[in-house]
């Protein structure tokens, strides 16, 4: 839920019109629920920063894809996705611990 909230906040910064209306509906619903969880703000801020980094990297990857530019820069960006997702997973796990969540995300890698 916290992850979803931070992603919606990023979408809010990058959206307008009808999409923004839908994003705001979700944000308005989730914000009070997340506030009630009493998660330290620095953890939420860290998760938001990691999600923003993922957003930016994925945007850059889309540009590379559109330009058919698969050079060393593309490889570096692509590798940063899984590294940043690992950071995200650690923060989400920390939030699950703080909230005593019974819903635990499991990562499965080859």
PDB file of N, CA and C in Angstrom:
ATOM      1  N   UNK A   1       0.826  -1.185   0.000  1.00  0.00           N
ATOM      2  CA  UNK A   1       0.000   0.000   0.000  1.00  0.00           C
ATOM      3  C   UNK A   1       0.880   1.263   0.000  1.00  0.00           C
ATOM      4  N   UNK A   2       1.969   1.236   0.777  1.00  0.00           N
ATOM      5  CA  UNK A   2       2.871   2.387   0.824  1.00  0.00           C
ATOM      6  C   UNK A   2       3.576   2.552  -0.515  1.00  0.00           C
ATOM      7  N   UNK A   3       3.992   1.434  -1.094  1.00  0.00           N
ATOM      8  CA  UNK A   3       4.631   1.458  -2.405  1.00  0.00           C
ATOM      9  C   UNK A   3       3.684   2.068  -3.436  1.00  0.00           C
ATOM     10  N   UNK A   4       2.453   1.626  -3.429  1.00  0.00           N
ATOM     11  CA  UNK A   4       1.438   2.143  -4.351  1.00  0.00           C
ATOM     12  C   UNK A   4       1.267   3.651  -4.173  1.00  0.00           C
ATOM     13  N   UNK A   5       1.233   4.094  -2.921  1.00  0.00           N
ATOM     14  CA  UNK A   5       1.073   5.516  -2.636  1.00  0.00           C
ATOM     15  C   UNK A   5       2.229   6.322  -3.224  1.00  0.00           C
ATOM     16  N   UNK A   6       3.458   5.870  -3.020  1.00  0.00           N
ATOM     17  CA  UNK A   6       4.605   6.627  -3.525  1.00  0.00           C
ATOM     18  C   UNK A   6       4.624   6.652  -5.054  1.00  0.00           C
ATOM     19  N   UNK A   7       4.212   5.573  -5.678  1.00  0.00           N
ATOM     20  CA  UNK A   7       4.138   5.539  -7.146  1.00  0.00           C
ATOM     21  C   UNK A   7       3.065   6.506  -7.641  1.00  0.00           C
ATOM     22  N   UNK A   8       1.939   6.543  -6.953  1.00  0.00           N
ATOM     23  CA  UNK A   8       0.881   7.488  -7.327  1.00  0.00           C
ATOM     24  C   UNK A   8       1.354   8.935  -7.182  1.00  0.00           C
ATOM     25  N   UNK A   9       2.147   9.208  -6.152  1.00  0.00           N
ATOM     26  CA  UNK A   9       2.677  10.561  -5.976  1.00  0.00           C
ATOM     27  C   UNK A   9       3.566  10.956  -7.160  1.00  0.00           C
ATOM     28  N   UNK A  10       4.359  10.009  -7.630  1.00  0.00           N
ATOM     29  CA  UNK A  10       5.219  10.262  -8.790  1.00  0.00           C
ATOM     30  C   UNK A  10       4.372  10.443 -10.046  1.00  0.00           C
ATOM     31  N   UNK A  11       3.359   9.606 -10.199  1.00  0.00           N
ATOM     32  CA  UNK A  11       2.459   9.751 -11.350  1.00  0.00           C
ATOM     33  C   UNK A  11       1.768  11.109 -11.328  1.00  0.00           C
ATOM     34  N   UNK A  12       1.387  11.556 -10.136  1.00  0.00           N
ATOM     35  CA  UNK A  12       0.733  12.860  -9.989  1.00  0.00           C
ATOM     36  C   UNK A  12       1.629  13.972 -10.532  1.00  0.00           C
ATOM     37  N   UNK A  13       2.931  13.879 -10.261  1.00  0.00           N
ATOM     38  CA  UNK A  13       3.888  14.883 -10.735  1.00  0.00           C
ATOM     39  C   UNK A  13       4.010  14.881 -12.259  1.00  0.00           C
ATOM     40  N   UNK A  14       3.665  13.758 -12.882  1.00  0.00           N
ATOM     41  CA  UNK A  14       3.906  13.584 -14.314  1.00  0.00           C
ATOM     42  C   UNK A  14       2.635  13.437 -15.138  1.00  0.00           C
ATOM     43  N   UNK A  15       1.479  13.754 -14.560  1.00  0.00           N
ATOM     44  CA  UNK A  15       0.205  13.538 -15.251  1.00  0.00           C
ATOM     45  C   UNK A  15      -0.641  14.801 -15.258  1.00  0.00           C
ATOM     46  N   UNK A  16      -1.654  14.762 -16.108  1.00  0.00           N
ATOM     47  CA  UNK A  16      -2.622  15.850 -16.135  1.00  0.00           C
ATOM     48  C   UNK A  16      -3.964  15.321 -16.632  1.00  0.00           C
ATOM     49  N   UNK A  17      -4.959  16.180 -16.624  1.00  0.00           N
ATOM     50  CA  UNK A  17      -6.269  15.829 -17.167  1.00  0.00           C
ATOM     51  C   UNK A  17      -6.958  14.682 -16.460  1.00  0.00           C
ATOM     52  N   UNK A  18      -7.597  13.829 -17.246  1.00  0.00           N
ATOM     53  CA  UNK A  18      -8.388  12.724 -16.730  1.00  0.00           C
ATOM     54  C   UNK A  18      -7.536  11.745 -15.923  1.00  0.00           C
ATOM     55  N   UNK A  19      -6.320  11.504 -16.384  1.00  0.00           N
ATOM     56  CA  UNK A  19      -5.432  10.605 -15.650  1.00  0.00           C
ATOM     57  C   UNK A  19      -5.162  11.153 -14.255  1.00  0.00           C
ATOM     58  N   UNK A  20      -4.948  12.452 -14.169  1.00  0.00           N
ATOM     59  CA  UNK A  20      -4.686  13.070 -12.876  1.00  0.00           C
ATOM     60  C   UNK A  20      -5.887  12.926 -11.949  1.00  0.00           C
ATOM     61  N   UNK A  21      -7.088  13.047 -12.474  1.00  0.00           N
ATOM     62  CA  UNK A  21      -8.296  12.862 -11.663  1.00  0.00           C
ATOM     63  C   UNK A  21      -8.325  11.470 -11.044  1.00  0.00           C
ATOM     64  N   UNK A  22      -8.028  10.460 -11.841  1.00  0.00           N
ATOM     65  CA  UNK A  22      -8.027   9.086 -11.338  1.00  0.00           C
ATOM     66  C   UNK A  22      -6.920   8.863 -10.311  1.00  0.00           C
ATOM     67  N   UNK A  23      -5.766   9.440 -10.572  1.00  0.00           N
ATOM     68  CA  UNK A  23      -4.648   9.327  -9.636  1.00  0.00           C
ATOM     69  C   UNK A  23      -5.019   9.970  -8.304  1.00  0.00           C
ATOM     70  N   UNK A  24      -5.646  11.128  -8.354  1.00  0.00           N
ATOM     71  CA  UNK A  24      -6.033  11.831  -7.129  1.00  0.00           C
ATOM     72  C   UNK A  24      -7.064  11.040  -6.329  1.00  0.00           C
ATOM     73  N   UNK A  25      -7.974  10.359  -7.011  1.00  0.00           N
ATOM     74  CA  UNK A  25      -8.953   9.523  -6.306  1.00  0.00           C
ATOM     75  C   UNK A  25      -8.241   8.446  -5.501  1.00  0.00           C
ATOM     76  N   UNK A  26      -7.282   7.788  -6.146  1.00  0.00           N
ATOM     77  CA  UNK A  26      -6.531   6.737  -5.450  1.00  0.00           C
ATOM     78  C   UNK A  26      -5.699   7.316  -4.309  1.00  0.00           C
ATOM     79  N   UNK A  27      -5.032   8.433  -4.576  1.00  0.00           N
ATOM     80  CA  UNK A  27      -4.220   9.066  -3.537  1.00  0.00           C
ATOM     81  C   UNK A  27      -5.063   9.454  -2.329  1.00  0.00           C
ATOM     82  N   UNK A  28      -6.192  10.072  -2.587  1.00  0.00           N
ATOM     83  CA  UNK A  28      -7.067  10.496  -1.492  1.00  0.00           C
ATOM     84  C   UNK A  28      -7.575   9.318  -0.678  1.00  0.00           C
ATOM     85  N   UNK A  29      -7.715   8.176  -1.314  1.00  0.00           N
ATOM     86  CA  UNK A  29      -8.145   6.972  -0.611  1.00  0.00           C
ATOM     87  C   UNK A  29      -7.002   6.392   0.229  1.00  0.00           C
ATOM     88  N   UNK A  30      -5.805   6.329  -0.360  1.00  0.00           N
ATOM     89  CA  UNK A  30      -4.685   5.655   0.300  1.00  0.00           C
ATOM     90  C   UNK A  30      -3.986   6.487   1.371  1.00  0.00           C
ATOM     91  N   UNK A  31      -3.922   7.799   1.196  1.00  0.00           N
ATOM     92  CA  UNK A  31      -3.160   8.635   2.125  1.00  0.00           C
ATOM     93  C   UNK A  31      -3.552   8.434   3.590  1.00  0.00           C
ATOM     94  N   UNK A  32      -4.829   8.489   3.946  1.00  0.00           N
ATOM     95  CA  UNK A  32      -5.168   8.296   5.359  1.00  0.00           C
ATOM     96  C   UNK A  32      -4.860   6.881   5.855  1.00  0.00           C
ATOM     97  N   UNK A  33      -4.970   5.900   4.972  1.00  0.00           N
ATOM     98  CA  UNK A  33      -4.659   4.529   5.368  1.00  0.00           C
ATOM     99  C   UNK A  33      -3.177   4.373   5.684  1.00  0.00           C
ATOM    100  N   UNK A  34      -2.344   4.983   4.872  1.00  0.00           N
ATOM    101  CA  UNK A  34      -0.897   4.908   5.094  1.00  0.00           C
ATOM    102  C   UNK A  34      -0.511   5.694   6.345  1.00  0.00           C
ATOM    103  N   UNK A  35      -1.122   6.848   6.547  1.00  0.00           N
ATOM    104  CA  UNK A  35      -0.844   7.635   7.753  1.00  0.00           C
ATOM    105  C   UNK A  35      -1.131   6.832   9.009  1.00  0.00           C
ATOM    106  N   UNK A  36      -2.179   6.035   8.990  1.00  0.00           N
ATOM    107  CA  UNK A  36      -2.551   5.222  10.147  1.00  0.00           C
ATOM    108  C   UNK A  36      -1.545   4.116  10.442  1.00  0.00           C
ATOM    109  N   UNK A  37      -0.700   3.782   9.482  1.00  0.00           N
ATOM    110  CA  UNK A  37       0.284   2.715   9.681  1.00  0.00           C
ATOM    111  C   UNK A  37       1.460   3.155  10.539  1.00  0.00           C
ATOM    112  N   UNK A  38       1.637   4.450  10.695  1.00  0.00           N
ATOM    113  CA  UNK A  38       2.692   5.003  11.548  1.00  0.00           C
ATOM    114  C   UNK A  38       4.093   4.522  11.143  1.00  0.00           C
ATOM    115  N   UNK A  39       4.373   4.620   9.862  1.00  0.00           N
ATOM    116  CA  UNK A  39       5.683   4.253   9.328  1.00  0.00           C
ATOM    117  C   UNK A  39       6.559   5.503   9.366  1.00  0.00           C
ATOM    118  N   UNK A  40       7.801   5.376   9.843  1.00  0.00           N
ATOM    119  CA  UNK A  40       8.683   6.549   9.876  1.00  0.00           C
ATOM    120  C   UNK A  40       8.786   7.215   8.499  1.00  0.00           C
ATOM    121  N   UNK A  41       8.712   8.527   8.494  1.00  0.00           N
ATOM    122  CA  UNK A  41       8.681   9.262   7.223  1.00  0.00           C
ATOM    123  C   UNK A  41       9.937   9.046   6.393  1.00  0.00           C
ATOM    124  N   UNK A  42      11.090   8.817   7.044  1.00  0.00           N
ATOM    125  CA  UNK A  42      12.310   8.625   6.257  1.00  0.00           C
ATOM    126  C   UNK A  42      12.247   7.351   5.417  1.00  0.00           C
ATOM    127  N   UNK A  43      11.532   6.355   5.886  1.00  0.00           N
ATOM    128  CA  UNK A  43      11.394   5.118   5.109  1.00  0.00           C
ATOM    129  C   UNK A  43      10.490   5.362   3.900  1.00  0.00           C
ATOM    130  N   UNK A  44       9.403   6.068   4.115  1.00  0.00           N
ATOM    131  CA  UNK A  44       8.507   6.406   2.998  1.00  0.00           C
ATOM    132  C   UNK A  44       9.240   7.289   1.992  1.00  0.00           C
ATOM    133  N   UNK A  45      10.015   8.244   2.491  1.00  0.00           N
ATOM    134  CA  UNK A  45      10.785   9.112   1.594  1.00  0.00           C
ATOM    135  C   UNK A  45      11.814   8.316   0.795  1.00  0.00           C
ATOM    136  N   UNK A  46      12.463   7.353   1.453  1.00  0.00           N
ATOM    137  CA  UNK A  46      13.435   6.505   0.750  1.00  0.00           C
ATOM    138  C   UNK A  46      12.755   5.685  -0.339  1.00  0.00           C
ATOM    139  N   UNK A  47      11.589   5.137  -0.025  1.00  0.00           N
ATOM    140  CA  UNK A  47      10.855   4.345  -1.013  1.00  0.00           C
ATOM    141  C   UNK A  47      10.423   5.224  -2.187  1.00  0.00           C
ATOM    142  N   UNK A  48       9.963   6.416  -1.893  1.00  0.00           N
ATOM    143  CA  UNK A  48       9.574   7.357  -2.952  1.00  0.00           C
ATOM    144  C   UNK A  48      10.783   7.677  -3.840  1.00  0.00           C
ATOM    145  N   UNK A  49      11.940   7.892  -3.237  1.00  0.00           N
ATOM    146  CA  UNK A  49      13.157   8.190  -4.008  1.00  0.00           C
ATOM    147  C   UNK A  49      13.556   7.028  -4.901  1.00  0.00           C
ATOM    148  N   UNK A  50      13.464   5.822  -4.376  1.00  0.00           N
ATOM    149  CA  UNK A  50      13.800   4.635  -5.166  1.00  0.00           C
ATOM    150  C   UNK A  50      12.812   4.482  -6.320  1.00  0.00           C
ATOM    151  N   UNK A  51      11.542   4.674  -6.054  1.00  0.00           N
ATOM    152  CA  UNK A  51      10.537   4.566  -7.120  1.00  0.00           C
ATOM    153  C   UNK A  51      10.712   5.671  -8.161  1.00  0.00           C
ATOM    154  N   UNK A  52      11.110   6.855  -7.722  1.00  0.00           N
ATOM    155  CA  UNK A  52      11.370   7.946  -8.670  1.00  0.00           C
ATOM    156  C   UNK A  52      12.574   7.595  -9.549  1.00  0.00           C
ATOM    157  N   UNK A  53      13.589   7.009  -8.948  1.00  0.00           N
ATOM    158  CA  UNK A  53      14.767   6.585  -9.715  1.00  0.00           C
ATOM    159  C   UNK A  53      14.362   5.542 -10.762  1.00  0.00           C
ATOM    160  N   UNK A  54      13.543   4.580 -10.366  1.00  0.00           N
ATOM    161  CA  UNK A  54      13.060   3.576 -11.323  1.00  0.00           C
ATOM    162  C   UNK A  54      12.275   4.231 -12.453  1.00  0.00           C
ATOM    163  N   UNK A  55      11.425   5.170 -12.114  1.00  0.00           N
ATOM    164  CA  UNK A  55      10.619   5.887 -13.114  1.00  0.00           C
ATOM    165  C   UNK A  55      11.541   6.544 -14.142  1.00  0.00           C
ATOM    166  N   UNK A  56      12.564   7.245 -13.645  1.00  0.00           N
ATOM    167  CA  UNK A  56      13.479   7.969 -14.527  1.00  0.00           C
ATOM    168  C   UNK A  56      14.291   7.013 -15.400  1.00  0.00           C
ATOM    169  N   UNK A  57      14.785   5.935 -14.802  1.00  0.00           N
ATOM    170  CA  UNK A  57      15.571   4.958 -15.566  1.00  0.00           C
ATOM    171  C   UNK A  57      14.713   4.313 -16.648  1.00  0.00           C
ATOM    172  N   UNK A  58      13.488   3.954 -16.302  1.00  0.00           N
ATOM    173  CA  UNK A  58      12.614   3.321 -17.291  1.00  0.00           C
ATOM    174  C   UNK A  58      12.256   4.291 -18.419  1.00  0.00           C
ATOM    175  N   UNK A  59      12.109   5.571 -18.099  1.00  0.00           N
ATOM    176  CA  UNK A  59      11.893   6.570 -19.157  1.00  0.00           C
ATOM    177  C   UNK A  59      13.090   6.627 -20.102  1.00  0.00           C
ATOM    178  N   UNK A  60      14.290   6.619 -19.541  1.00  0.00           N
ATOM    179  CA  UNK A  60      15.503   6.644 -20.367  1.00  0.00           C
ATOM    180  C   UNK A  60      15.625   5.385 -21.214  1.00  0.00           C
ATOM    181  N   UNK A  61      15.243   4.241 -20.644  1.00  0.00           N
ATOM    182  CA  UNK A  61      15.270   2.994 -21.418  1.00  0.00           C
ATOM    183  C   UNK A  61      14.298   3.054 -22.590  1.00  0.00           C
ATOM    184  N   UNK A  62      13.144   3.663 -22.379  1.00  0.00           N
ATOM    185  CA  UNK A  62      12.171   3.805 -23.473  1.00  0.00           C
ATOM    186  C   UNK A  62      12.724   4.675 -24.599  1.00  0.00           C
ATOM    187  N   UNK A  63      13.452   5.723 -24.235  1.00  0.00           N
ATOM    188  CA  UNK A  63      14.078   6.580 -25.243  1.00  0.00           C
ATOM    189  C   UNK A  63      15.110   5.777 -26.031  1.00  0.00           C
ATOM    190  N   UNK A  64      15.944   5.017 -25.322  1.00  0.00           N
ATOM    191  CA  UNK A  64      16.943   4.177 -25.996  1.00  0.00           C
ATOM    192  C   UNK A  64      16.264   3.193 -26.937  1.00  0.00           C
ATOM    193  N   UNK A  65      15.198   2.579 -26.467  1.00  0.00           N
ATOM    194  CA  UNK A  65      14.463   1.604 -27.282  1.00  0.00           C
ATOM    195  C   UNK A  65      13.909   2.270 -28.541  1.00  0.00           C
ATOM    196  N   UNK A  66      13.310   3.431 -28.369  1.00  0.00           N
ATOM    197  CA  UNK A  66      12.726   4.146 -29.505  1.00  0.00           C
ATOM    198  C   UNK A  66      13.793   4.513 -30.532  1.00  0.00           C
ATOM    199  N   UNK A  67      14.983   4.863 -30.033  1.00  0.00           N
ATOM    200  CA  UNK A  67      16.080   5.251 -30.923  1.00  0.00           C
ATOM    201  C   UNK A  67      16.918   4.050 -31.374  1.00  0.00           C
ATOM    202  N   UNK A  68      16.534   2.866 -30.901  1.00  0.00           N
ATOM    203  CA  UNK A  68      17.277   1.642 -31.201  1.00  0.00           C
ATOM    204  C   UNK A  68      18.757   1.793 -30.843  1.00  0.00           C
ATOM    205  N   UNK A  69      18.975   2.387 -29.687  1.00  0.00           N
ATOM    206  CA  UNK A  69      20.326   2.637 -29.181  1.00  0.00           C
ATOM    207  C   UNK A  69      20.603   1.672 -28.026  1.00  0.00           C
ATOM    208  N   UNK A  70      21.301   0.593 -28.316  1.00  0.00           N
ATOM    209  CA  UNK A  70      21.540  -0.452 -27.322  1.00  0.00           C
ATOM    210  C   UNK A  70      23.032  -0.532 -26.990  1.00  0.00           C
ATOM    211  N   UNK A  71      23.586   0.621 -26.664  1.00  0.00           N
ATOM    212  CA  UNK A  71      25.005   0.727 -26.370  1.00  0.00           C
ATOM    213  C   UNK A  71      25.290   0.444 -24.892  1.00  0.00           C
ATOM    214  N   UNK A  72      26.479   0.791 -24.456  1.00  0.00           N
ATOM    215  CA  UNK A  72      26.894   0.577 -23.065  1.00  0.00           C
ATOM    216  C   UNK A  72      25.987   1.334 -22.092  1.00  0.00           C
ATOM    217  N   UNK A  73      25.540   2.524 -22.499  1.00  0.00           N
ATOM    218  CA  UNK A  73      24.626   3.294 -21.656  1.00  0.00           C
ATOM    219  C   UNK A  73      23.315   2.564 -21.418  1.00  0.00           C
ATOM    220  N   UNK A  74      22.799   1.936 -22.466  1.00  0.00           N
ATOM    221  CA  UNK A  74      21.571   1.151 -22.346  1.00  0.00           C
ATOM    222  C   UNK A  74      21.782  -0.009 -21.375  1.00  0.00           C
ATOM    223  N   UNK A  75      22.899  -0.684 -21.518  1.00  0.00           N
ATOM    224  CA  UNK A  75      23.196  -1.827 -20.644  1.00  0.00           C
ATOM    225  C   UNK A  75      23.294  -1.373 -19.190  1.00  0.00           C
ATOM    226  N   UNK A  76      23.951  -0.259 -18.968  1.00  0.00           N
ATOM    227  CA  UNK A  76      24.076   0.274 -17.609  1.00  0.00           C
ATOM    228  C   UNK A  76      22.706   0.604 -17.027  1.00  0.00           C
ATOM    229  N   UNK A  77      21.860   1.240 -17.826  1.00  0.00           N
ATOM    230  CA  UNK A  77      20.501   1.555 -17.372  1.00  0.00           C
ATOM    231  C   UNK A  77      19.716   0.288 -17.064  1.00  0.00           C
ATOM    232  N   UNK A  78      19.796  -0.684 -17.962  1.00  0.00           N
ATOM    233  CA  UNK A  78      19.047  -1.931 -17.777  1.00  0.00           C
ATOM    234  C   UNK A  78      19.491  -2.642 -16.503  1.00  0.00           C
ATOM    235  N   UNK A  79      20.780  -2.667 -16.253  1.00  0.00           N
ATOM    236  CA  UNK A  79      21.283  -3.312 -15.038  1.00  0.00           C
ATOM    237  C   UNK A  79      20.842  -2.561 -13.786  1.00  0.00           C
ATOM    238  N   UNK A  80      20.714  -1.241 -13.906  1.00  0.00           N
ATOM    239  CA  UNK A  80      20.312  -0.462 -12.736  1.00  0.00           C
ATOM    240  C   UNK A  80      18.871  -0.745 -12.327  1.00  0.00           C
ATOM    241  N   UNK A  81      18.058  -1.244 -13.258  1.00  0.00           N
ATOM    242  CA  UNK A  81      16.665  -1.559 -12.924  1.00  0.00           C
ATOM    243  C   UNK A  81      16.608  -2.649 -11.866  1.00  0.00           C
ATOM    244  N   UNK A  82      17.320  -3.750 -12.078  1.00  0.00           N
ATOM    245  CA  UNK A  82      17.222  -4.824 -11.084  1.00  0.00           C
ATOM    246  C   UNK A  82      17.921  -4.447  -9.785  1.00  0.00           C
ATOM    247  N   UNK A  83      18.988  -3.665  -9.863  1.00  0.00           N
ATOM    248  CA  UNK A  83      19.653  -3.222  -8.634  1.00  0.00           C
ATOM    249  C   UNK A  83      18.733  -2.302  -7.831  1.00  0.00           C
ATOM    250  N   UNK A  84      18.065  -1.397  -8.513  1.00  0.00           N
ATOM    251  CA  UNK A  84      17.152  -0.477  -7.840  1.00  0.00           C
ATOM    252  C   UNK A  84      15.925  -1.218  -7.325  1.00  0.00           C
ATOM    253  N   UNK A  85      15.466  -2.216  -8.065  1.00  0.00           N
ATOM    254  CA  UNK A  85      14.350  -3.036  -7.582  1.00  0.00           C
ATOM    255  C   UNK A  85      14.731  -3.799  -6.320  1.00  0.00           C
ATOM    256  N   UNK A  86      15.995  -4.178  -6.186  1.00  0.00           N
ATOM    257  CA  UNK A  86      16.448  -4.823  -4.952  1.00  0.00           C
ATOM    258  C   UNK A  86      16.369  -3.857  -3.774  1.00  0.00           C
ATOM    259  N   UNK A  87      16.754  -2.595  -3.995  1.00  0.00           N
ATOM    260  CA  UNK A  87      16.615  -1.570  -2.951  1.00  0.00           C
ATOM    261  C   UNK A  87      15.147  -1.415  -2.560  1.00  0.00           C
ATOM    262  N   UNK A  88      14.297  -1.383  -3.549  1.00  0.00           N
ATOM    263  CA  UNK A  88      12.855  -1.240  -3.329  1.00  0.00           C
ATOM    264  C   UNK A  88      12.326  -2.409  -2.502  1.00  0.00           C
ATOM    265  N   UNK A  89      12.755  -3.609  -2.847  1.00  0.00           N
ATOM    266  CA  UNK A  89      12.334  -4.806  -2.122  1.00  0.00           C
ATOM    267  C   UNK A  89      12.753  -4.718  -0.651  1.00  0.00           C
ATOM    268  N   UNK A  90      13.970  -4.269  -0.391  1.00  0.00           N
ATOM    269  CA  UNK A  90      14.444  -4.143   0.991  1.00  0.00           C
ATOM    270  C   UNK A  90      13.589  -3.157   1.783  1.00  0.00           C
ATOM    271  N   UNK A  91      13.246  -2.039   1.175  1.00  0.00           N
ATOM    272  CA  UNK A  91      12.405  -1.053   1.856  1.00  0.00           C
ATOM    273  C   UNK A  91      11.001  -1.595   2.100  1.00  0.00           C
ATOM    274  N   UNK A  92      10.453  -2.283   1.119  1.00  0.00           N
ATOM    275  CA  UNK A  92       9.116  -2.863   1.289  1.00  0.00           C
ATOM    276  C   UNK A  92       9.131  -3.930   2.380  1.00  0.00           C
ATOM    277  N   UNK A  93      10.215  -4.689   2.469  1.00  0.00           N
ATOM    278  CA  UNK A  93      10.347  -5.694   3.522  1.00  0.00           C
ATOM    279  C   UNK A  93      10.420  -5.020   4.888  1.00  0.00           C
ATOM    280  N   UNK A  94      11.148  -3.917   4.969  1.00  0.00           N
ATOM    281  CA  UNK A  94      11.237  -3.164   6.218  1.00  0.00           C
ATOM    282  C   UNK A  94       9.860  -2.645   6.631  1.00  0.00           C
ATOM    283  N   UNK A  95       9.099  -2.156   5.680  1.00  0.00           N
ATOM    284  CA  UNK A  95       7.740  -1.681   5.970  1.00  0.00           C
ATOM    285  C   UNK A  95       6.867  -2.839   6.447  1.00  0.00           C
ATOM    286  N   UNK A  96       6.988  -3.989   5.813  1.00  0.00           N
ATOM    287  CA  UNK A  96       6.220  -5.160   6.246  1.00  0.00           C
ATOM    288  C   UNK A  96       6.560  -5.543   7.680  1.00  0.00           C
ATOM    289  N   UNK A  97       7.827  -5.437   8.046  1.00  0.00           N
ATOM    290  CA  UNK A  97       8.247  -5.757   9.408  1.00  0.00           C
ATOM    291  C   UNK A  97       7.657  -4.759  10.400  1.00  0.00           C
ATOM    292  N   UNK A  98       7.743  -3.484  10.075  1.00  0.00           N
ATOM    293  CA  UNK A  98       7.215  -2.433  10.955  1.00  0.00           C
ATOM    294  C   UNK A  98       5.717  -2.599  11.177  1.00  0.00           C
ATOM    295  N   UNK A  99       5.003  -2.963  10.126  1.00  0.00           N
ATOM    296  CA  UNK A  99       3.540  -3.052  10.208  1.00  0.00           C
ATOM    297  C   UNK A  99       3.045  -4.448  10.581  1.00  0.00           C
ATOM    298  N   UNK A 100       3.980  -5.369  10.809  1.00  0.00           N
ATOM    299  CA  UNK A 100       3.615  -6.760  11.122  1.00  0.00           C
ATOM    300  C   UNK A 100       2.693  -7.352  10.065  1.00  0.00           C
ATOM    301  N   UNK A 101       2.995  -7.047   8.821  1.00  0.00           N
ATOM    302  CA  UNK A 101       2.156  -7.522   7.722  1.00  0.00           C
ATOM    303  C   UNK A 101       2.260  -9.032   7.566  1.00  0.00           C
ATOM    304  N   UNK A 102       1.128  -9.643   7.286  1.00  0.00           N
ATOM    305  CA  UNK A 102       1.092 -11.080   7.002  1.00  0.00           C
ATOM    306  C   UNK A 102       1.190 -11.341   5.505  1.00  0.00           C
ATOM    307  N   UNK A 103       1.162 -10.282   4.722  1.00  0.00           N
ATOM    308  CA  UNK A 103       1.320 -10.392   3.272  1.00  0.00           C
ATOM    309  C   UNK A 103       2.767 -10.056   2.943  1.00  0.00           C
ATOM    310  N   UNK A 104       3.522 -11.067   2.592  1.00  0.00           N
ATOM    311  CA  UNK A 104       4.950 -10.911   2.374  1.00  0.00           C
ATOM    312  C   UNK A 104       5.285 -11.150   0.907  1.00  0.00           C
ATOM    313  N   UNK A 105       5.968 -10.186   0.308  1.00  0.00           N
ATOM    314  CA  UNK A 105       6.408 -10.339  -1.078  1.00  0.00           C
ATOM    315  C   UNK A 105       7.620 -11.264  -1.111  1.00  0.00           C
ATOM    316  N   UNK A 106       7.609 -12.192  -2.038  1.00  0.00           N
ATOM    317  CA  UNK A 106       8.738 -13.101  -2.221  1.00  0.00           C
ATOM    318  C   UNK A 106       9.370 -12.833  -3.572  1.00  0.00           C
ATOM    319  N   UNK A 107      10.676 -12.670  -3.576  1.00  0.00           N
ATOM    320  CA  UNK A 107      11.416 -12.506  -4.825  1.00  0.00           C
ATOM    321  C   UNK A 107      11.934 -13.871  -5.253  1.00  0.00           C
ATOM    322  N   UNK A 108      11.814 -14.151  -6.519  1.00  0.00           N
ATOM    323  CA  UNK A 108      12.308 -15.416  -7.059  1.00  0.00           C
ATOM    324  C   UNK A 108      13.211 -15.079  -8.236  1.00  0.00           C
ATOM    325  N   UNK A 109      14.470 -15.431  -8.087  1.00  0.00           N
ATOM    326  CA  UNK A 109      15.456 -15.152  -9.135  1.00  0.00           C
ATOM    327  C   UNK A 109      16.135 -16.453  -9.541  1.00  0.00           C
ATOM    328  N   UNK A 110      16.524 -16.544 -10.807  1.00  0.00           N
ATOM    329  CA  UNK A 110      17.244 -17.757 -11.238  1.00  0.00           C
ATOM    330  C   UNK A 110      18.620 -17.837 -10.609  1.00  0.00           C
TER     331      UNK A 110
END
